[in-house]
PDB file of N, CA and C in Angstrom:
ATOM      1  N   MET A   1     114.078  75.546  88.751  1.00  0.00           N
ATOM      2  CA  MET A   1     113.642  75.189  87.414  1.00  0.00           C
ATOM      3  C   MET A   1     112.578  76.202  86.981  1.00  0.00           C
ATOM      4  N   THR A   2     112.745  76.730  85.789  1.00  0.00           N
ATOM      5  CA  THR A   2     111.781  77.709  85.281  1.00  0.00           C
ATOM      6  C   THR A   2     110.500  77.001  84.836  1.00  0.00           C
ATOM      7  N   THR A   3     109.468  77.777  84.636  1.00  0.00           N
ATOM      8  CA  THR A   3     108.196  77.233  84.163  1.00  0.00           C
ATOM      9  C   THR A   3     108.373  76.543  82.820  1.00  0.00           C
ATOM     10  N   LEU A   4     109.091  77.183  81.918  1.00  0.00           N
ATOM     11  CA  LEU A   4     109.308  76.603  80.597  1.00  0.00           C
ATOM     12  C   LEU A   4     110.079  75.288  80.698  1.00  0.00           C
ATOM     13  N   GLU A   5     111.090  75.240  81.541  1.00  0.00           N
ATOM     14  CA  GLU A   5     111.858  73.994  81.721  1.00  0.00           C
ATOM     15  C   GLU A   5     110.976  72.882  82.271  1.00  0.00           C
ATOM     16  N   LYS A   6     110.074  73.215  83.196  1.00  0.00           N
ATOM     17  CA  LYS A   6     109.159  72.219  83.758  1.00  0.00           C
ATOM     18  C   LYS A   6     108.198  71.712  82.689  1.00  0.00           C
ATOM     19  N   ILE A   7     107.682  72.609  81.863  1.00  0.00           N
ATOM     20  CA  ILE A   7     106.772  72.207  80.780  1.00  0.00           C
ATOM     21  C   ILE A   7     107.502  71.298  79.799  1.00  0.00           C
ATOM     22  N   ILE A   8     108.718  71.670  79.432  1.00  0.00           N
ATOM     23  CA  ILE A   8     109.505  70.846  78.517  1.00  0.00           C
ATOM     24  C   ILE A   8     109.752  69.475  79.129  1.00  0.00           C
ATOM     25  N   GLN A   9     110.065  69.435  80.407  1.00  0.00           N
ATOM     26  CA  GLN A   9     110.297  68.152  81.082  1.00  0.00           C
ATOM     27  C   GLN A   9     109.016  67.305  81.070  1.00  0.00           C
ATOM     28  N   ASP A  10     107.886  67.919  81.382  1.00  0.00           N
ATOM     29  CA  ASP A  10     106.618  67.183  81.384  1.00  0.00           C
ATOM     30  C   ASP A  10     106.292  66.657  79.985  1.00  0.00           C
ATOM     31  N   LEU A  11     106.490  67.477  78.973  1.00  0.00           N
ATOM     32  CA  LEU A  11     106.204  67.053  77.602  1.00  0.00           C
ATOM     33  C   LEU A  11     107.148  65.934  77.157  1.00  0.00           C
ATOM     34  N   SER A  12     108.381  65.977  77.597  1.00  0.00           N
ATOM     35  CA  SER A  12     109.343  64.948  77.184  1.00  0.00           C
ATOM     36  C   SER A  12     109.019  63.584  77.783  1.00  0.00           C
ATOM     37  N   ASN A  13     108.196  63.560  78.834  1.00  0.00           N
ATOM     38  CA  ASN A  13     107.820  62.298  79.469  1.00  0.00           C
ATOM     39  C   ASN A  13     106.526  61.719  78.902  1.00  0.00           C
ATOM     40  N   MET A  14     105.939  62.380  77.915  1.00  0.00           N
ATOM     41  CA  MET A  14     104.673  61.914  77.355  1.00  0.00           C
ATOM     42  C   MET A  14     104.910  61.027  76.137  1.00  0.00           C
ATOM     43  N   ASP A  15     103.981  60.099  75.943  1.00  0.00           N
ATOM     44  CA  ASP A  15     104.067  59.270  74.738  1.00  0.00           C
ATOM     45  C   ASP A  15     103.354  59.998  73.589  1.00  0.00           C
ATOM     46  N   GLU A  16     103.371  59.380  72.410  1.00  0.00           N
ATOM     47  CA  GLU A  16     102.835  60.036  71.216  1.00  0.00           C
ATOM     48  C   GLU A  16     101.352  60.375  71.356  1.00  0.00           C
ATOM     49  N   GLN A  17     100.583  59.479  71.937  1.00  0.00           N
ATOM     50  CA  GLN A  17      99.148  59.728  72.091  1.00  0.00           C
ATOM     51  C   GLN A  17      98.904  60.922  73.013  1.00  0.00           C
ATOM     52  N   GLN A  18      99.655  60.998  74.094  1.00  0.00           N
ATOM     53  CA  GLN A  18      99.505  62.120  75.010  1.00  0.00           C
ATOM     54  C   GLN A  18      99.886  63.430  74.329  1.00  0.00           C
ATOM     55  N   LEU A  19     100.950  63.403  73.528  1.00  0.00           N
ATOM     56  CA  LEU A  19     101.365  64.613  72.819  1.00  0.00           C
ATOM     57  C   LEU A  19     100.322  65.037  71.799  1.00  0.00           C
ATOM     58  N   GLU A  20      99.646  64.073  71.182  1.00  0.00           N
ATOM     59  CA  GLU A  20      98.573  64.408  70.249  1.00  0.00           C
ATOM     60  C   GLU A  20      97.436  65.112  70.980  1.00  0.00           C
ATOM     61  N   GLU A  21      97.148  64.672  72.197  1.00  0.00           N
ATOM     62  CA  GLU A  21      96.098  65.327  72.988  1.00  0.00           C
ATOM     63  C   GLU A  21      96.512  66.750  73.360  1.00  0.00           C
ATOM     64  N   VAL A  22      97.781  66.944  73.698  1.00  0.00           N
ATOM     65  CA  VAL A  22      98.274  68.289  73.983  1.00  0.00           C
ATOM     66  C   VAL A  22      98.126  69.163  72.737  1.00  0.00           C
ATOM     67  N   SER A  23      98.489  68.609  71.586  1.00  0.00           N
ATOM     68  CA  SER A  23      98.358  69.339  70.332  1.00  0.00           C
ATOM     69  C   SER A  23      96.902  69.710  70.061  1.00  0.00           C
ATOM     70  N   ALA A  24      95.994  68.773  70.308  1.00  0.00           N
ATOM     71  CA  ALA A  24      94.565  69.040  70.106  1.00  0.00           C
ATOM     72  C   ALA A  24      94.088  70.152  71.039  1.00  0.00           C
ATOM     73  N   LEU A  25      94.565  70.127  72.278  1.00  0.00           N
ATOM     74  CA  LEU A  25      94.190  71.176  73.229  1.00  0.00           C
ATOM     75  C   LEU A  25      94.687  72.532  72.744  1.00  0.00           C
ATOM     76  N   ILE A  26      95.921  72.586  72.305  1.00  0.00           N
ATOM     77  CA  ILE A  26      96.483  73.847  71.825  1.00  0.00           C
ATOM     78  C   ILE A  26      95.690  74.358  70.631  1.00  0.00           C
ATOM     79  N   THR A  27      95.331  73.460  69.722  1.00  0.00           N
ATOM     80  CA  THR A  27      94.530  73.851  68.560  1.00  0.00           C
ATOM     81  C   THR A  27      93.178  74.379  69.002  1.00  0.00           C
ATOM     82  N   THR A  28      92.537  73.697  69.944  1.00  0.00           N
ATOM     83  CA  THR A  28      91.235  74.136  70.456  1.00  0.00           C
ATOM     84  C   THR A  28      91.336  75.510  71.100  1.00  0.00           C
ATOM     85  N   VAL A  29      92.366  75.706  71.885  1.00  0.00           N
ATOM     86  CA  VAL A  29      92.542  76.991  72.567  1.00  0.00           C
ATOM     87  C   VAL A  29      92.762  78.113  71.567  1.00  0.00           C
ATOM     88  N   THR A  30      93.564  77.857  70.540  1.00  0.00           N
ATOM     89  CA  THR A  30      93.846  78.917  69.572  1.00  0.00           C
ATOM     90  C   THR A  30      92.631  79.245  68.706  1.00  0.00           C
ATOM     91  N   LEU A  31      91.689  78.303  68.553  1.00  0.00           N
ATOM     92  CA  LEU A  31      90.506  78.542  67.729  1.00  0.00           C
ATOM     93  C   LEU A  31      89.341  79.180  68.502  1.00  0.00           C
ATOM     94  N   GLN A  32      89.451  79.226  69.817  1.00  0.00           N
ATOM     95  CA  GLN A  32      88.364  79.791  70.624  1.00  0.00           C
ATOM     96  C   GLN A  32      88.360  81.315  70.500  1.00  0.00           C
ATOM     97  N   SER A  33      87.142  81.872  70.484  1.00  0.00           N
ATOM     98  CA  SER A  33      87.043  83.328  70.387  1.00  0.00           C
ATOM     99  C   SER A  33      87.486  83.998  71.694  1.00  0.00           C
ATOM    100  N   LYS A  34      87.223  83.339  72.812  1.00  0.00           N
ATOM    101  CA  LYS A  34      87.662  83.865  74.106  1.00  0.00           C
ATOM    102  C   LYS A  34      88.706  82.892  74.650  1.00  0.00           C
ATOM    103  N   PRO A  35      89.978  83.183  74.426  1.00  0.00           N
ATOM    104  CA  PRO A  35      91.014  82.218  74.790  1.00  0.00           C
ATOM    105  C   PRO A  35      91.102  81.942  76.289  1.00  0.00           C
ATOM    106  N   ILE A  36      91.429  80.704  76.581  1.00  0.00           N
ATOM    107  CA  ILE A  36      91.684  80.286  77.960  1.00  0.00           C
ATOM    108  C   ILE A  36      93.079  80.786  78.311  1.00  0.00           C
ATOM    109  N   PRO A  37      93.245  81.324  79.504  1.00  0.00           N
ATOM    110  CA  PRO A  37      94.588  81.782  79.868  1.00  0.00           C
ATOM    111  C   PRO A  37      95.591  80.630  79.771  1.00  0.00           C
ATOM    112  N   CYS A  38      96.656  80.876  79.084  1.00  0.00           N
ATOM    113  CA  CYS A  38      97.677  79.841  78.892  1.00  0.00           C
ATOM    114  C   CYS A  38      98.779  80.065  79.931  1.00  0.00           C
ATOM    115  N   ASP A  39      98.440  79.757  81.157  1.00  0.00           N
ATOM    116  CA  ASP A  39      99.420  79.921  82.215  1.00  0.00           C
ATOM    117  C   ASP A  39      99.842  78.560  82.762  1.00  0.00           C
ATOM    118  N   ARG A  40     100.787  78.584  83.624  1.00  0.00           N
ATOM    119  CA  ARG A  40     101.346  77.336  84.155  1.00  0.00           C
ATOM    120  C   ARG A  40     100.269  76.477  84.827  1.00  0.00           C
ATOM    121  N   LYS A  41      99.358  77.108  85.555  1.00  0.00           N
ATOM    122  CA  LYS A  41      98.316  76.368  86.268  1.00  0.00           C
ATOM    123  C   LYS A  41      97.453  75.564  85.291  1.00  0.00           C
ATOM    124  N   ASN A  42      97.003  76.190  84.208  1.00  0.00           N
ATOM    125  CA  ASN A  42      96.155  75.498  83.236  1.00  0.00           C
ATOM    126  C   ASN A  42      96.913  74.393  82.513  1.00  0.00           C
ATOM    127  N   ILE A  43      98.159  74.658  82.168  1.00  0.00           N
ATOM    128  CA  ILE A  43      98.960  73.645  81.480  1.00  0.00           C
ATOM    129  C   ILE A  43      99.216  72.455  82.408  1.00  0.00           C
ATOM    130  N   ARG A  44      99.580  72.726  83.650  1.00  0.00           N
ATOM    131  CA  ARG A  44      99.826  71.641  84.611  1.00  0.00           C
ATOM    132  C   ARG A  44      98.538  70.857  84.867  1.00  0.00           C
ATOM    133  N   GLN A  45      97.407  71.547  84.937  1.00  0.00           N
ATOM    134  CA  GLN A  45      96.130  70.878  85.146  1.00  0.00           C
ATOM    135  C   GLN A  45      95.828  69.942  83.978  1.00  0.00           C
ATOM    136  N   PHE A  46      96.077  70.400  82.751  1.00  0.00           N
ATOM    137  CA  PHE A  46      95.856  69.560  81.590  1.00  0.00           C
ATOM    138  C   PHE A  46      96.784  68.345  81.617  1.00  0.00           C
ATOM    139  N   ILE A  47      98.051  68.556  81.926  1.00  0.00           N
ATOM    140  CA  ILE A  47      99.011  67.453  81.983  1.00  0.00           C
ATOM    141  C   ILE A  47      98.583  66.436  83.041  1.00  0.00           C
ATOM    142  N   GLN A  48      98.095  66.905  84.170  1.00  0.00           N
ATOM    143  CA  GLN A  48      97.621  65.990  85.215  1.00  0.00           C
ATOM    144  C   GLN A  48      96.410  65.193  84.722  1.00  0.00           C
ATOM    145  N   GLN A  49      95.509  65.815  83.987  1.00  0.00           N
ATOM    146  CA  GLN A  49      94.356  65.100  83.435  1.00  0.00           C
ATOM    147  C   GLN A  49      94.809  64.026  82.459  1.00  0.00           C
ATOM    148  N   VAL A  50      95.786  64.349  81.629  1.00  0.00           N
ATOM    149  CA  VAL A  50      96.310  63.366  80.678  1.00  0.00           C
ATOM    150  C   VAL A  50      96.933  62.203  81.432  1.00  0.00           C
ATOM    151  N   ARG A  51      97.701  62.502  82.467  1.00  0.00           N
ATOM    152  CA  ARG A  51      98.348  61.444  83.257  1.00  0.00           C
ATOM    153  C   ARG A  51      97.329  60.542  83.938  1.00  0.00           C
ATOM    154  N   GLN A  52      96.208  61.102  84.349  1.00  0.00           N
ATOM    155  CA  GLN A  52      95.170  60.289  84.990  1.00  0.00           C
ATOM    156  C   GLN A  52      94.528  59.348  83.983  1.00  0.00           C
ATOM    157  N   LYS A  53      94.367  59.801  82.758  1.00  0.00           N
ATOM    158  CA  LYS A  53      93.742  58.971  81.727  1.00  0.00           C
ATOM    159  C   LYS A  53      94.691  57.923  81.193  1.00  0.00           C
ATOM    160  N   HIS A  54      95.987  58.241  81.167  1.00  0.00           N
ATOM    161  CA  HIS A  54      96.981  57.343  80.590  1.00  0.00           C
ATOM    162  C   HIS A  54      98.076  57.100  81.612  1.00  0.00           C
ATOM    163  N   PRO A  55      98.235  55.863  82.041  1.00  0.00           N
ATOM    164  CA  PRO A  55      99.254  55.588  83.056  1.00  0.00           C
ATOM    165  C   PRO A  55     100.649  55.940  82.552  1.00  0.00           C
ATOM    166  N   HIS A  56     101.458  56.416  83.468  1.00  0.00           N
ATOM    167  CA  HIS A  56     102.824  56.798  83.128  1.00  0.00           C
ATOM    168  C   HIS A  56     103.655  55.562  82.814  1.00  0.00           C
ATOM    169  N   ARG A  57     104.400  55.637  81.728  1.00  0.00           N
ATOM    170  CA  ARG A  57     105.296  54.536  81.351  1.00  0.00           C
ATOM    171  C   ARG A  57     106.725  55.027  81.523  1.00  0.00           C
ATOM    172  N   SER A  58     107.539  54.174  82.095  1.00  0.00           N
ATOM    173  CA  SER A  58     108.938  54.549  82.285  1.00  0.00           C
ATOM    174  C   SER A  58     109.654  54.585  80.939  1.00  0.00           C
ATOM    175  N   ILE A  59     110.762  55.285  80.912  1.00  0.00           N
ATOM    176  CA  ILE A  59     111.566  55.355  79.696  1.00  0.00           C
ATOM    177  C   ILE A  59     112.027  53.961  79.310  1.00  0.00           C
ATOM    178  N   GLU A  60     112.378  53.161  80.290  1.00  0.00           N
ATOM    179  CA  GLU A  60     112.828  51.792  80.024  1.00  0.00           C
ATOM    180  C   GLU A  60     111.720  50.967  79.378  1.00  0.00           C
ATOM    181  N   ASP A  61     110.493  51.138  79.866  1.00  0.00           N
ATOM    182  CA  ASP A  61     109.353  50.398  79.314  1.00  0.00           C
ATOM    183  C   ASP A  61     109.093  50.804  77.862  1.00  0.00           C
ATOM    184  N   ILE A  62     109.150  52.091  77.591  1.00  0.00           N
ATOM    185  CA  ILE A  62     108.949  52.577  76.230  1.00  0.00           C
ATOM    186  C   ILE A  62     110.063  52.063  75.324  1.00  0.00           C
ATOM    187  N   ASP A  63     111.299  52.132  75.808  1.00  0.00           N
ATOM    188  CA  ASP A  63     112.440  51.647  75.028  1.00  0.00           C
ATOM    189  C   ASP A  63     112.308  50.154  74.742  1.00  0.00           C
ATOM    190  N   ARG A  64     111.894  49.389  75.730  1.00  0.00           N
ATOM    191  CA  ARG A  64     111.699  47.941  75.560  1.00  0.00           C
ATOM    192  C   ARG A  64     110.631  47.668  74.500  1.00  0.00           C
ATOM    193  N   SER A  65     109.536  48.404  74.556  1.00  0.00           N
ATOM    194  CA  SER A  65     108.460  48.234  73.569  1.00  0.00           C
ATOM    195  C   SER A  65     108.947  48.564  72.162  1.00  0.00           C
ATOM    196  N   LEU A  66     109.714  49.637  72.053  1.00  0.00           N
ATOM    197  CA  LEU A  66     110.243  50.019  70.743  1.00  0.00           C
ATOM    198  C   LEU A  66     111.208  48.968  70.203  1.00  0.00           C
ATOM    199  N   ARG A  67     112.080  48.448  71.084  1.00  0.00           N
ATOM    200  CA  ARG A  67     113.015  47.412  70.649  1.00  0.00           C
ATOM    201  C   ARG A  67     112.273  46.161  70.196  1.00  0.00           C
ATOM    202  N   MET A  68     111.249  45.766  70.935  1.00  0.00           N
ATOM    203  CA  MET A  68     110.475  44.574  70.571  1.00  0.00           C
ATOM    204  C   MET A  68     109.799  44.794  69.206  1.00  0.00           C
ATOM    205  N   GLU A  69     109.269  45.982  69.001  1.00  0.00           N
ATOM    206  CA  GLU A  69     108.608  46.281  67.716  1.00  0.00           C
ATOM    207  C   GLU A  69     109.633  46.252  66.588  1.00  0.00           C
ATOM    208  N   ARG A  70     110.785  46.879  66.795  1.00  0.00           N
ATOM    209  CA  ARG A  70     111.832  46.872  65.761  1.00  0.00           C
ATOM    210  C   ARG A  70     112.299  45.454  65.466  1.00  0.00           C
ATOM    211  N   ASP A  71     112.478  44.655  66.512  1.00  0.00           N
ATOM    212  CA  ASP A  71     112.908  43.266  66.328  1.00  0.00           C
ATOM    213  C   ASP A  71     111.883  42.468  65.539  1.00  0.00           C
ATOM    214  N   SER A  72     110.606  42.782  65.723  1.00  0.00           N
ATOM    215  CA  SER A  72     109.565  42.034  65.008  1.00  0.00           C
ATOM    216  C   SER A  72     109.604  42.327  63.504  1.00  0.00           C
ATOM    217  N   TRP A  73     110.150  43.480  63.109  1.00  0.00           N
ATOM    218  CA  TRP A  73     110.249  43.823  61.701  1.00  0.00           C
ATOM    219  C   TRP A  73     111.220  42.903  60.980  1.00  0.00           C
ATOM    220  N   ASP A  74     112.239  42.448  61.715  1.00  0.00           N
ATOM    221  CA  ASP A  74     113.267  41.593  61.115  1.00  0.00           C
ATOM    222  C   ASP A  74     112.797  40.164  60.931  1.00  0.00           C
ATOM    223  N   SER A  75     111.752  39.790  61.624  1.00  0.00           N
ATOM    224  CA  SER A  75     111.268  38.393  61.567  1.00  0.00           C
ATOM    225  C   SER A  75     110.518  38.099  60.301  1.00  0.00           C
TER     226      SER A  75
END
């Protein structure tokens, strides 16, 4: 698996809040005068920090939550 494929896989497992944090990090990095190296190690380290702050939810759990929310709209 290539580095890019691993990053895509990691990002696809994140929820919306986690993706917003990734977006904020990218914005912060691009605005810095001395950029942080954007290599696999730094990206993986950031993803691990996000995972520590936010417990991993299975796809089934996310799908169940979405279905429950959609069902509540019909009530």
